[in-house]
Amino acid sequence: MAVAAARPPIGDMLRSWRRRRSLSQLELSLNAGVSSRHLSFLETGRARPSREMVLHLAEELQVPARERNSLLLAAGFAPLYTERALEAPQMALVRQAIDRFLRAHEPYPAIVIDRHHDLLASNDALEALLEGVSPELLEPPANALRIALHPRGMAPRTVNLREWSAHLMQRLQREMQITADASLESLYEELAGYPGIEAGSPQGHLEASEIVLPLRLRDGDGELAFFSTISTFGTAVDITLAELSIEAFYPADARTANRLLRDIDAGPPEPPQESAGTGA
């Protein structure tokens, strides 16, 4: 029978998160209003933190909800945050809110992703971005970053692949730093190995006239250009909800807006007309 890996001591975990945030014991003690001596005792195991202290330090260290549960368990306390599946009955209102947003955002693309960038939902307008993507990349669990950067994904259509990949890789790197998630680190290494992917900062590649970095895709003889916004649920106390993100794409130029509006303006196709018979 497999034996579960032992959880690190709470002191080691607190020290690891402090170092990940590039804070000294003195800096954290000042920020948290805790004596540096007591903080040192907590990290070395000479003192045991209360439940309130664990949560207080986790807040100061900006530890995500999932990892706060791990800290509580390591300190001998029950987890605070629940984790329900998005399909659970208690999440019905959340699903309705997401669906309303996705539908209302059409004819512009929008997606819902989880912590690992797996695609959970999208609207029909996403097809404008997915043209030419290999079907195997769209099979569940489809990963939005893999779709964007894979050589059989959106990469061949992406005119500014170097700049756009640098933007996505930098974003993923920030998330790795925030969450300490090994799965994100594995995804980063995979994506970095794709041809044409840039892992540096995208800022050096921006044109002087640009105020946001657009995603530029080949579209026939022209291009489609998008910028995006990312929304999260405020004050979420459920892990699933806290880790959801909605990325909404908007046209970055008139040609793209007109292209996306074309199908809406055309309306649904006319039903086939029955030919009139000549009766016998």
C-alpha atoms as a PDB file:
ATOM      1  CA  MET A   1       0.000   0.000   0.000  1.00  0.00           C
ATOM      2  CA  ALA A   2       1.324   3.425  -0.974  1.00  0.00           C
ATOM      3  CA  VAL A   3       2.301   5.712   1.868  1.00  0.00           C
ATOM      4  CA  ALA A   4       1.431   9.420   1.600  1.00  0.00           C
ATOM      5  CA  ALA A   5       4.417  11.745   1.595  1.00  0.00           C
ATOM      6  CA  ALA A   6       5.030  13.400   4.937  1.00  0.00           C
ATOM      7  CA  ARG A   7       3.972  17.041   5.098  1.00  0.00           C
ATOM      8  CA  PRO A   8       6.843  19.470   5.862  1.00  0.00           C
ATOM      9  CA  PRO A   9       6.792  21.051   9.340  1.00  0.00           C
ATOM     10  CA  ILE A  10       4.808  24.281   9.582  1.00  0.00           C
ATOM     11  CA  GLY A  11       7.984  26.218  10.439  1.00  0.00           C
ATOM     12  CA  ASP A  12       9.707  25.065   7.261  1.00  0.00           C
ATOM     13  CA  MET A  13       6.652  25.985   5.205  1.00  0.00           C
ATOM     14  CA  LEU A  14       6.427  29.479   6.698  1.00  0.00           C
ATOM     15  CA  ARG A  15      10.131  30.054   6.081  1.00  0.00           C
ATOM     16  CA  SER A  16       9.773  28.836   2.488  1.00  0.00           C
ATOM     17  CA  TRP A  17       6.897  31.235   1.789  1.00  0.00           C
ATOM     18  CA  ARG A  18       8.768  34.128   3.428  1.00  0.00           C
ATOM     19  CA  ARG A  19      11.817  33.519   1.256  1.00  0.00           C
ATOM     20  CA  ARG A  20       9.620  33.131  -1.828  1.00  0.00           C
ATOM     21  CA  ARG A  21       8.317  36.639  -1.123  1.00  0.00           C
ATOM     22  CA  SER A  22      11.916  37.879  -0.691  1.00  0.00           C
ATOM     23  CA  LEU A  23      11.303  39.021   2.884  1.00  0.00           C
ATOM     24  CA  SER A  24      13.667  38.866   5.836  1.00  0.00           C
ATOM     25  CA  GLN A  25      12.372  37.753   9.233  1.00  0.00           C
ATOM     26  CA  LEU A  26      12.607  41.368  10.387  1.00  0.00           C
ATOM     27  CA  GLU A  27      10.592  42.657   7.403  1.00  0.00           C
ATOM     28  CA  LEU A  28       7.852  40.069   7.890  1.00  0.00           C
ATOM     29  CA  SER A  29       7.728  40.649  11.636  1.00  0.00           C
ATOM     30  CA  LEU A  30       7.305  44.399  11.089  1.00  0.00           C
ATOM     31  CA  ASN A  31       4.628  43.899   8.411  1.00  0.00           C
ATOM     32  CA  ALA A  32       2.723  41.367  10.506  1.00  0.00           C
ATOM     33  CA  GLY A  33       3.155  43.095  13.882  1.00  0.00           C
ATOM     34  CA  VAL A  34       4.869  40.015  15.337  1.00  0.00           C
ATOM     35  CA  SER A  35       8.188  40.057  17.173  1.00  0.00           C
ATOM     36  CA  SER A  36      11.086  38.779  15.099  1.00  0.00           C
ATOM     37  CA  ARG A  37      12.051  36.525  18.010  1.00  0.00           C
ATOM     38  CA  HIS A  38       8.629  34.840  18.010  1.00  0.00           C
ATOM     39  CA  LEU A  39       8.724  34.502  14.225  1.00  0.00           C
ATOM     40  CA  SER A  40      12.153  32.862  14.502  1.00  0.00           C
ATOM     41  CA  PHE A  41      10.772  30.431  17.092  1.00  0.00           C
ATOM     42  CA  LEU A  42       7.866  29.572  14.766  1.00  0.00           C
ATOM     43  CA  GLU A  43      10.158  28.884  11.817  1.00  0.00           C
ATOM     44  CA  THR A  44      12.574  26.730  13.835  1.00  0.00           C
ATOM     45  CA  GLY A  45       9.791  24.781  15.547  1.00  0.00           C
ATOM     46  CA  ARG A  46      10.548  26.069  19.035  1.00  0.00           C
ATOM     47  CA  ALA A  47       7.042  27.551  19.173  1.00  0.00           C
ATOM     48  CA  ARG A  48       3.762  26.275  17.721  1.00  0.00           C
ATOM     49  CA  PRO A  49       1.562  28.853  15.945  1.00  0.00           C
ATOM     50  CA  SER A  50      -2.104  29.264  16.777  1.00  0.00           C
ATOM     51  CA  ARG A  51      -4.687  28.913  14.030  1.00  0.00           C
ATOM     52  CA  GLU A  52      -5.108  32.687  14.011  1.00  0.00           C
ATOM     53  CA  MET A  53      -1.344  33.211  13.669  1.00  0.00           C
ATOM     54  CA  VAL A  54      -1.140  30.816  10.706  1.00  0.00           C
ATOM     55  CA  LEU A  55      -3.903  32.704   8.910  1.00  0.00           C
ATOM     56  CA  HIS A  56      -2.432  36.081   9.846  1.00  0.00           C
ATOM     57  CA  LEU A  57       1.005  35.218   8.463  1.00  0.00           C
ATOM     58  CA  ALA A  58      -0.555  33.604   5.383  1.00  0.00           C
ATOM     59  CA  GLU A  59      -2.401  36.856   4.713  1.00  0.00           C
ATOM     60  CA  GLU A  60       0.780  38.906   5.050  1.00  0.00           C
ATOM     61  CA  LEU A  61       2.611  36.488   2.746  1.00  0.00           C
ATOM     62  CA  GLN A  62      -0.258  36.494   0.218  1.00  0.00           C
ATOM     63  CA  VAL A  63      -0.483  32.723   0.288  1.00  0.00           C
ATOM     64  CA  PRO A  64      -3.247  31.403  -2.027  1.00  0.00           C
ATOM     65  CA  ALA A  65      -6.276  29.690  -0.458  1.00  0.00           C
ATOM     66  CA  ARG A  66      -5.243  26.159  -1.430  1.00  0.00           C
ATOM     67  CA  GLU A  67      -1.824  26.594   0.184  1.00  0.00           C
ATOM     68  CA  ARG A  68      -3.368  28.209   3.277  1.00  0.00           C
ATOM     69  CA  ASN A  69      -5.212  24.937   3.844  1.00  0.00           C
ATOM     70  CA  SER A  70      -1.864  23.126   3.629  1.00  0.00           C
ATOM     71  CA  LEU A  71      -0.366  25.471   6.228  1.00  0.00           C
ATOM     72  CA  LEU A  72      -3.292  24.867   8.566  1.00  0.00           C
ATOM     73  CA  LEU A  73      -3.000  21.100   8.185  1.00  0.00           C
ATOM     74  CA  ALA A  74       0.741  21.235   8.868  1.00  0.00           C
ATOM     75  CA  ALA A  75       0.039  23.191  12.062  1.00  0.00           C
ATOM     76  CA  GLY A  76      -2.525  20.599  13.168  1.00  0.00           C
ATOM     77  CA  PHE A  77      -5.715  22.507  12.310  1.00  0.00           C
ATOM     78  CA  ALA A  78      -8.640  21.758  10.034  1.00  0.00           C
ATOM     79  CA  PRO A  79      -8.653  23.408   6.585  1.00  0.00           C
ATOM     80  CA  LEU A  80     -10.588  26.653   6.301  1.00  0.00           C
ATOM     81  CA  TYR A  81     -11.397  26.788   2.583  1.00  0.00           C
ATOM     82  CA  THR A  82     -13.765  24.383   0.860  1.00  0.00           C
ATOM     83  CA  GLU A  83     -13.260  23.026  -2.648  1.00  0.00           C
ATOM     84  CA  ARG A  84     -16.387  22.230  -4.644  1.00  0.00           C
ATOM     85  CA  ALA A  85     -16.522  21.099  -8.241  1.00  0.00           C
ATOM     86  CA  LEU A  86     -17.849  23.724 -10.635  1.00  0.00           C
ATOM     87  CA  GLU A  87     -20.667  21.292 -11.456  1.00  0.00           C
ATOM     88  CA  ALA A  88     -21.762  21.042  -7.797  1.00  0.00           C
ATOM     89  CA  PRO A  89     -25.295  22.256  -6.975  1.00  0.00           C
ATOM     90  CA  GLN A  90     -23.903  24.931  -4.645  1.00  0.00           C
ATOM     91  CA  MET A  91     -22.075  26.480  -7.618  1.00  0.00           C
ATOM     92  CA  ALA A  92     -25.214  26.912  -9.749  1.00  0.00           C
ATOM     93  CA  LEU A  93     -25.311  30.698  -9.330  1.00  0.00           C
ATOM     94  CA  VAL A  94     -21.637  30.935 -10.256  1.00  0.00           C
ATOM     95  CA  ARG A  95     -22.205  28.871 -13.401  1.00  0.00           C
ATOM     96  CA  GLN A  96     -25.152  31.085 -14.334  1.00  0.00           C
ATOM     97  CA  ALA A  97     -23.067  34.243 -13.845  1.00  0.00           C
ATOM     98  CA  ILE A  98     -20.262  32.822 -15.985  1.00  0.00           C
ATOM     99  CA  ASP A  99     -22.670  31.763 -18.727  1.00  0.00           C
ATOM    100  CA  ARG A 100     -24.316  35.202 -18.776  1.00  0.00           C
ATOM    101  CA  PHE A 101     -20.937  36.889 -19.138  1.00  0.00           C
ATOM    102  CA  LEU A 102     -19.788  34.565 -21.924  1.00  0.00           C
ATOM    103  CA  ARG A 103     -22.983  35.067 -23.913  1.00  0.00           C
ATOM    104  CA  ALA A 104     -23.070  38.827 -23.330  1.00  0.00           C
ATOM    105  CA  HIS A 105     -19.479  39.200 -24.517  1.00  0.00           C
ATOM    106  CA  GLU A 106     -20.213  37.802 -27.974  1.00  0.00           C
ATOM    107  CA  PRO A 107     -19.305  38.416 -30.747  1.00  0.00           C
ATOM    108  CA  TYR A 108     -15.960  38.766 -28.981  1.00  0.00           C
ATOM    109  CA  PRO A 109     -14.159  35.663 -27.619  1.00  0.00           C
ATOM    110  CA  ALA A 110     -14.054  34.841 -23.914  1.00  0.00           C
ATOM    111  CA  ILE A 111     -12.787  31.845 -21.954  1.00  0.00           C
ATOM    112  CA  VAL A 112     -12.852  30.530 -18.394  1.00  0.00           C
ATOM    113  CA  ILE A 113      -9.702  28.833 -17.114  1.00  0.00           C
ATOM    114  CA  ASP A 114      -8.578  27.261 -13.868  1.00  0.00           C
ATOM    115  CA  ARG A 115      -5.338  27.655 -11.948  1.00  0.00           C
ATOM    116  CA  HIS A 116      -3.439  25.475 -14.428  1.00  0.00           C
ATOM    117  CA  HIS A 117      -4.897  27.304 -17.454  1.00  0.00           C
ATOM    118  CA  ASP A 118      -7.119  24.367 -18.358  1.00  0.00           C
ATOM    119  CA  LEU A 119     -10.084  25.513 -20.421  1.00  0.00           C
ATOM    120  CA  LEU A 120     -13.357  25.132 -18.484  1.00  0.00           C
ATOM    121  CA  ALA A 121     -15.786  27.094 -20.658  1.00  0.00           C
ATOM    122  CA  SER A 122     -15.897  29.470 -23.611  1.00  0.00           C
ATOM    123  CA  ASN A 123     -18.339  31.235 -25.888  1.00  0.00           C
ATOM    124  CA  ASP A 124     -18.934  30.479 -29.567  1.00  0.00           C
ATOM    125  CA  ALA A 125     -16.826  33.468 -30.649  1.00  0.00           C
ATOM    126  CA  LEU A 126     -13.691  31.603 -29.581  1.00  0.00           C
ATOM    127  CA  GLU A 127     -13.767  29.884 -32.975  1.00  0.00           C
ATOM    128  CA  ALA A 128     -12.199  33.029 -34.452  1.00  0.00           C
ATOM    129  CA  LEU A 129      -9.048  32.280 -32.432  1.00  0.00           C
ATOM    130  CA  LEU A 130      -9.003  28.509 -32.897  1.00  0.00           C
ATOM    131  CA  GLU A 131      -8.995  28.303 -36.684  1.00  0.00           C
ATOM    132  CA  GLY A 132      -6.382  25.761 -37.756  1.00  0.00           C
ATOM    133  CA  VAL A 133      -5.704  24.412 -34.240  1.00  0.00           C
ATOM    134  CA  SER A 134      -5.133  20.655 -34.185  1.00  0.00           C
ATOM    135  CA  PRO A 135      -8.196  18.835 -32.747  1.00  0.00           C
ATOM    136  CA  GLU A 136      -6.001  16.864 -30.336  1.00  0.00           C
ATOM    137  CA  LEU A 137      -5.107  20.086 -28.504  1.00  0.00           C
ATOM    138  CA  LEU A 138      -8.802  20.842 -27.977  1.00  0.00           C
ATOM    139  CA  GLU A 139      -9.617  17.514 -26.341  1.00  0.00           C
ATOM    140  CA  PRO A 140     -10.318  17.799 -22.577  1.00  0.00           C
ATOM    141  CA  PRO A 141      -8.471  18.810 -20.533  1.00  0.00           C
ATOM    142  CA  ALA A 142      -7.519  21.415 -23.141  1.00  0.00           C
ATOM    143  CA  ASN A 143      -4.896  23.844 -21.865  1.00  0.00           C
ATOM    144  CA  ALA A 144      -5.215  27.460 -23.027  1.00  0.00           C
ATOM    145  CA  LEU A 145      -1.464  28.171 -22.927  1.00  0.00           C
ATOM    146  CA  ARG A 146      -0.637  24.979 -24.784  1.00  0.00           C
ATOM    147  CA  ILE A 147      -3.228  25.874 -27.450  1.00  0.00           C
ATOM    148  CA  ALA A 148      -1.756  29.375 -27.745  1.00  0.00           C
ATOM    149  CA  LEU A 149       1.908  28.385 -28.090  1.00  0.00           C
ATOM    150  CA  HIS A 150       2.005  24.835 -29.469  1.00  0.00           C
ATOM    151  CA  PRO A 151       3.357  24.500 -33.055  1.00  0.00           C
ATOM    152  CA  ARG A 152       0.080  22.768 -33.973  1.00  0.00           C
ATOM    153  CA  GLY A 153      -1.943  25.316 -32.055  1.00  0.00           C
ATOM    154  CA  MET A 154      -2.300  29.059 -32.603  1.00  0.00           C
ATOM    155  CA  ALA A 155       1.452  29.673 -32.947  1.00  0.00           C
ATOM    156  CA  PRO A 156       1.604  29.343 -36.780  1.00  0.00           C
ATOM    157  CA  ARG A 157      -1.131  32.021 -37.108  1.00  0.00           C
ATOM    158  CA  THR A 158       0.380  34.357 -34.510  1.00  0.00           C
ATOM    159  CA  VAL A 159       2.116  37.169 -36.348  1.00  0.00           C
ATOM    160  CA  ASN A 160       3.843  38.508 -33.224  1.00  0.00           C
ATOM    161  CA  LEU A 161       4.605  35.115 -31.657  1.00  0.00           C
ATOM    162  CA  ARG A 162       7.837  36.320 -30.051  1.00  0.00           C
ATOM    163  CA  GLU A 163       6.142  39.206 -28.241  1.00  0.00           C
ATOM    164  CA  TRP A 164       2.941  37.347 -27.377  1.00  0.00           C
ATOM    165  CA  SER A 165       4.771  34.274 -26.081  1.00  0.00           C
ATOM    166  CA  ALA A 166       7.011  36.480 -23.923  1.00  0.00           C
ATOM    167  CA  HIS A 167       3.886  38.028 -22.421  1.00  0.00           C
ATOM    168  CA  LEU A 168       2.288  34.646 -21.681  1.00  0.00           C
ATOM    169  CA  MET A 169       5.488  33.133 -20.305  1.00  0.00           C
ATOM    170  CA  GLN A 170       6.081  36.114 -18.030  1.00  0.00           C
ATOM    171  CA  ARG A 171       2.513  35.800 -16.732  1.00  0.00           C
ATOM    172  CA  LEU A 172       3.011  32.090 -16.085  1.00  0.00           C
ATOM    173  CA  GLN A 173       6.282  32.803 -14.295  1.00  0.00           C
ATOM    174  CA  ARG A 174       4.518  35.251 -11.966  1.00  0.00           C
ATOM    175  CA  GLU A 175       1.875  32.647 -11.181  1.00  0.00           C
ATOM    176  CA  MET A 176       4.578  30.078 -10.424  1.00  0.00           C
ATOM    177  CA  GLN A 177       6.132  32.533  -7.972  1.00  0.00           C
ATOM    178  CA  ILE A 178       2.797  33.270  -6.290  1.00  0.00           C
ATOM    179  CA  THR A 179       1.563  29.684  -5.960  1.00  0.00           C
ATOM    180  CA  ALA A 180       4.715  27.519  -5.791  1.00  0.00           C
ATOM    181  CA  ASP A 181       2.746  25.050  -7.936  1.00  0.00           C
ATOM    182  CA  ALA A 182       4.930  22.281  -9.384  1.00  0.00           C
ATOM    183  CA  SER A 183       2.407  21.659 -12.179  1.00  0.00           C
ATOM    184  CA  LEU A 184       2.845  25.230 -13.421  1.00  0.00           C
ATOM    185  CA  GLU A 185       6.622  24.807 -13.340  1.00  0.00           C
ATOM    186  CA  SER A 186       6.269  21.654 -15.461  1.00  0.00           C
ATOM    187  CA  LEU A 187       3.997  23.496 -17.905  1.00  0.00           C
ATOM    188  CA  TYR A 188       6.497  26.365 -18.130  1.00  0.00           C
ATOM    189  CA  GLU A 189       9.324  23.986 -19.013  1.00  0.00           C
ATOM    190  CA  GLU A 190       7.165  22.332 -21.685  1.00  0.00           C
ATOM    191  CA  LEU A 191       6.140  25.613 -23.283  1.00  0.00           C
ATOM    192  CA  ALA A 192       9.689  26.994 -23.187  1.00  0.00           C
ATOM    193  CA  GLY A 193      10.753  24.063 -25.362  1.00  0.00           C
ATOM    194  CA  TYR A 194       8.386  24.938 -28.216  1.00  0.00           C
ATOM    195  CA  PRO A 195       9.961  26.526 -31.311  1.00  0.00           C
ATOM    196  CA  GLY A 196       9.872  30.312 -31.521  1.00  0.00           C
ATOM    197  CA  ILE A 197       8.896  30.839 -27.878  1.00  0.00           C
ATOM    198  CA  GLU A 198      10.420  33.837 -26.080  1.00  0.00           C
ATOM    199  CA  ALA A 199      10.724  33.644 -22.299  1.00  0.00           C
ATOM    200  CA  GLY A 200      12.011  37.194 -21.731  1.00  0.00           C
ATOM    201  CA  SER A 201      10.119  40.414 -21.142  1.00  0.00           C
ATOM    202  CA  PRO A 202       7.749  41.536 -23.928  1.00  0.00           C
ATOM    203  CA  GLN A 203       8.286  45.231 -23.169  1.00  0.00           C
ATOM    204  CA  GLY A 204      11.255  45.583 -25.488  1.00  0.00           C
ATOM    205  CA  HIS A 205       9.169  44.421 -28.445  1.00  0.00           C
ATOM    206  CA  LEU A 206       6.310  46.938 -28.146  1.00  0.00           C
ATOM    207  CA  GLU A 207       5.822  49.480 -30.877  1.00  0.00           C
ATOM    208  CA  ALA A 208       5.856  53.120 -29.767  1.00  0.00           C
ATOM    209  CA  SER A 209       2.222  53.587 -30.841  1.00  0.00           C
ATOM    210  CA  GLU A 210       0.921  50.626 -28.783  1.00  0.00           C
ATOM    211  CA  ILE A 211      -0.621  51.103 -25.341  1.00  0.00           C
ATOM    212  CA  VAL A 212      -1.268  47.369 -24.838  1.00  0.00           C
ATOM    213  CA  LEU A 213       0.403  44.336 -26.373  1.00  0.00           C
ATOM    214  CA  PRO A 214      -2.039  42.907 -28.941  1.00  0.00           C
ATOM    215  CA  LEU A 215      -2.440  39.323 -30.070  1.00  0.00           C
ATOM    216  CA  ARG A 216      -2.098  39.432 -33.861  1.00  0.00           C
ATOM    217  CA  LEU A 217      -3.436  36.501 -35.885  1.00  0.00           C
ATOM    218  CA  ARG A 218      -3.286  35.873 -39.617  1.00  0.00           C
ATOM    219  CA  ASP A 219      -6.750  35.957 -41.165  1.00  0.00           C
ATOM    220  CA  GLY A 220      -6.752  35.290 -44.883  1.00  0.00           C
ATOM    221  CA  ASP A 221      -4.913  38.190 -46.522  1.00  0.00           C
ATOM    222  CA  GLY A 222      -5.120  40.331 -43.380  1.00  0.00           C
ATOM    223  CA  GLU A 223      -4.774  40.177 -39.605  1.00  0.00           C
ATOM    224  CA  LEU A 224      -6.997  40.047 -36.543  1.00  0.00           C
ATOM    225  CA  ALA A 225      -5.776  42.007 -33.503  1.00  0.00           C
ATOM    226  CA  PHE A 226      -6.992  41.539 -29.921  1.00  0.00           C
ATOM    227  CA  PHE A 227      -6.241  42.762 -26.430  1.00  0.00           C
ATOM    228  CA  SER A 228      -7.610  41.021 -23.370  1.00  0.00           C
ATOM    229  CA  THR A 229      -8.672  41.567 -19.776  1.00  0.00           C
ATOM    230  CA  ILE A 230      -8.595  39.001 -16.969  1.00  0.00           C
ATOM    231  CA  SER A 231     -11.260  38.925 -14.243  1.00  0.00           C
ATOM    232  CA  THR A 232     -11.405  36.912 -11.025  1.00  0.00           C
ATOM    233  CA  PHE A 233     -14.065  36.473  -8.353  1.00  0.00           C
ATOM    234  CA  GLY A 234     -13.594  38.842  -5.412  1.00  0.00           C
ATOM    235  CA  THR A 235     -13.770  37.603  -1.798  1.00  0.00           C
ATOM    236  CA  ALA A 236     -14.019  33.961  -2.899  1.00  0.00           C
ATOM    237  CA  VAL A 237     -13.719  31.495  -0.002  1.00  0.00           C
ATOM    238  CA  ASP A 238     -14.080  28.385  -2.162  1.00  0.00           C
ATOM    239  CA  ILE A 239     -10.823  27.169  -3.694  1.00  0.00           C
ATOM    240  CA  THR A 240     -12.351  26.345  -7.071  1.00  0.00           C
ATOM    241  CA  LEU A 241     -13.911  29.794  -7.322  1.00  0.00           C
ATOM    242  CA  ALA A 242     -10.765  31.560  -6.090  1.00  0.00           C
ATOM    243  CA  GLU A 243      -8.741  29.867  -8.826  1.00  0.00           C
ATOM    244  CA  LEU A 244     -11.096  30.668 -11.719  1.00  0.00           C
ATOM    245  CA  SER A 245     -10.176  33.374 -14.224  1.00  0.00           C
ATOM    246  CA  ILE A 246     -12.219  34.814 -17.077  1.00  0.00           C
ATOM    247  CA  GLU A 247     -10.193  36.156 -19.995  1.00  0.00           C
ATOM    248  CA  ALA A 248     -12.177  38.386 -22.342  1.00  0.00           C
ATOM    249  CA  PHE A 249     -10.783  39.381 -25.722  1.00  0.00           C
ATOM    250  CA  TYR A 250     -11.619  42.684 -27.428  1.00  0.00           C
ATOM    251  CA  PRO A 251     -10.892  43.890 -30.962  1.00  0.00           C
ATOM    252  CA  ALA A 252      -7.782  46.078 -31.104  1.00  0.00           C
ATOM    253  CA  ASP A 253      -8.651  47.647 -34.452  1.00  0.00           C
ATOM    254  CA  ALA A 254     -11.627  48.377 -36.701  1.00  0.00           C
ATOM    255  CA  ARG A 255     -10.924  45.526 -39.111  1.00  0.00           C
ATOM    256  CA  THR A 256     -11.106  42.960 -36.318  1.00  0.00           C
ATOM    257  CA  ALA A 257     -14.315  44.478 -34.930  1.00  0.00           C
ATOM    258  CA  ASN A 258     -15.938  44.392 -38.358  1.00  0.00           C
ATOM    259  CA  ARG A 259     -14.775  40.851 -38.965  1.00  0.00           C
ATOM    260  CA  LEU A 260     -16.297  39.618 -35.702  1.00  0.00           C
ATOM    261  CA  LEU A 261     -19.525  41.541 -36.248  1.00  0.00           C
ATOM    262  CA  ARG A 262     -19.976  40.160 -39.742  1.00  0.00           C
ATOM    263  CA  ASP A 263     -21.648  36.927 -38.693  1.00  0.00           C
ATOM    264  CA  ILE A 264     -23.898  38.733 -36.203  1.00  0.00           C
ATOM    265  CA  ASP A 265     -25.053  41.232 -38.831  1.00  0.00           C
ATOM    266  CA  ALA A 266     -25.667  38.453 -41.353  1.00  0.00           C
ATOM    267  CA  GLY A 267     -28.045  36.745 -38.944  1.00  0.00           C
ATOM    268  CA  PRO A 268     -28.921  33.043 -38.984  1.00  0.00           C
ATOM    269  CA  PRO A 269     -28.929  31.308 -42.379  1.00  0.00           C
ATOM    270  CA  GLU A 270     -32.172  31.193 -44.284  1.00  0.00           C
ATOM    271  CA  PRO A 271     -33.939  27.813 -44.137  1.00  0.00           C
ATOM    272  CA  PRO A 272     -33.946  25.954 -47.456  1.00  0.00           C
ATOM    273  CA  GLN A 273     -36.992  26.723 -49.620  1.00  0.00           C
ATOM    274  CA  GLU A 274     -39.115  23.821 -50.737  1.00  0.00           C
ATOM    275  CA  SER A 275     -39.535  23.756 -54.501  1.00  0.00           C
ATOM    276  CA  ALA A 276     -43.144  23.974 -55.674  1.00  0.00           C
ATOM    277  CA  GLY A 277     -44.358  20.739 -57.214  1.00  0.00           C
ATOM    278  CA  THR A 278     -46.514  20.550 -60.361  1.00  0.00           C
ATOM    279  CA  GLY A 279     -49.204  18.192 -59.127  1.00  0.00           C
ATOM    280  CA  ALA A 280     -50.106  15.148 -61.127  1.00  0.00           C
END
